[in-house]
Protein backbone atom coordinates (compact mmCIF):
# COMPACT_ATOMS: atom_id res chain seq x y z
CA MET A 1 14.69 -9.04 -31.94
CA LEU A 2 14.15 -10.19 -35.49
CA VAL A 3 13.94 -7.27 -37.94
CA LEU A 4 12.26 -7.86 -41.30
CA THR A 5 11.51 -5.66 -44.29
CA ARG A 6 8.08 -6.13 -45.84
CA LYS A 7 6.14 -4.29 -48.54
CA ALA A 8 2.40 -3.63 -48.62
CA GLY A 9 0.60 -6.92 -49.19
CA GLU A 10 3.45 -9.01 -47.80
CA SER A 11 3.20 -10.86 -44.50
CA ILE A 12 5.07 -12.75 -41.83
CA VAL A 13 3.90 -15.88 -40.05
CA ILE A 14 4.41 -16.48 -36.33
CA GLY A 15 4.15 -20.09 -35.25
CA ASN A 16 1.64 -22.09 -37.26
CA ASP A 17 -1.41 -19.93 -36.86
CA ILE A 18 -0.60 -16.20 -36.63
CA ARG A 19 -0.15 -14.10 -39.75
CA VAL A 20 0.75 -10.39 -39.77
CA THR A 21 0.21 -8.63 -43.10
CA VAL A 22 1.30 -5.13 -44.07
CA LEU A 23 -1.89 -3.58 -45.43
CA GLU A 24 -0.86 -0.02 -46.17
CA LEU A 25 1.93 2.50 -45.71
CA GLN A 26 1.03 6.16 -45.14
CA GLY A 27 3.99 8.40 -44.37
CA ARG A 28 5.39 7.17 -41.06
CA GLN A 29 2.40 4.94 -40.28
CA VAL A 30 1.92 1.30 -41.16
CA ARG A 31 -1.46 -0.45 -41.15
CA LEU A 32 -1.15 -4.09 -40.15
CA GLY A 33 -3.66 -6.89 -40.41
CA ILE A 34 -3.35 -9.68 -37.86
CA GLU A 35 -4.93 -13.10 -38.28
CA ALA A 36 -4.85 -15.17 -35.10
CA PRO A 37 -7.01 -17.84 -33.45
CA ALA A 38 -9.85 -16.53 -31.29
CA ASP A 39 -8.10 -17.75 -28.12
CA VAL A 40 -5.04 -15.56 -28.80
CA SER A 41 -5.27 -12.02 -27.42
CA VAL A 42 -3.98 -9.29 -29.73
CA HIS A 43 -3.45 -5.82 -28.24
CA ARG A 44 -1.55 -2.65 -29.08
CA GLY A 45 1.62 -2.48 -26.96
CA GLU A 46 0.40 0.35 -24.73
CA VAL A 47 -2.92 -1.42 -24.08
CA TYR A 48 -1.12 -4.66 -23.21
CA GLU A 49 1.13 -2.82 -20.72
CA ARG A 50 -1.91 -1.24 -19.02
CA ILE A 51 -3.60 -4.64 -18.71
CA ARG A 52 -0.41 -6.16 -17.27
CA GLU A 53 -0.06 -3.34 -14.73
CA GLU A 54 -3.69 -3.66 -13.65
CA ASN A 55 -3.30 -7.44 -13.26
CA GLU A 56 -0.19 -6.95 -11.11
CA ARG A 57 -2.03 -4.46 -8.91
CA ALA A 58 -4.98 -6.84 -8.53
CA ALA A 59 -2.70 -9.78 -7.69
CA ALA A 60 -0.94 -7.75 -5.00
CA GLY A 61 -4.23 -7.16 -3.17
CA ASP A 62 -4.22 -6.12 0.46
CA GLN A 63 -3.72 -9.18 2.68
CA ASP A 64 -5.97 -7.76 5.42
CA GLU A 65 -8.79 -7.37 2.92
CA LEU A 66 -8.31 -10.95 1.76
CA ARG A 67 -8.40 -12.27 5.34
CA ALA A 68 -11.58 -10.31 6.08
CA LEU A 69 -13.18 -11.62 2.90
CA SER A 70 -12.18 -15.17 3.83
CA ARG A 71 -13.75 -14.83 7.31
CA THR A 72 -16.94 -13.43 5.81
CA TRP A 73 -17.07 -16.21 3.23
CA ARG A 74 -16.74 -18.87 5.94
CA LYS A 75 -19.66 -17.32 7.83
CA VAL A 76 -22.03 -17.39 4.87
CA THR A 77 -20.93 -20.67 3.29
CA PRO A 78 -22.62 -23.74 4.81
CA THR A 79 -20.30 -26.56 5.80
CA LYS A 80 -21.04 -30.20 5.05
């Protein structure tokens, strides 16, 4: 982990197109501004972890359910 010290108004750059700027310091809180391309997702850590967990749960779907869905799909999808 890289650890940097920044003051309000100072920033760091990640890659060529992500800039994180310290906007304000209030006690033990820091307000950050993040500039990133629209195709780059930016989430708070706890939100990112929840998304990752939900994606893992969805990817580990029940195999029996998937087989049943596949059989149903074959019944309703016309073949050429």
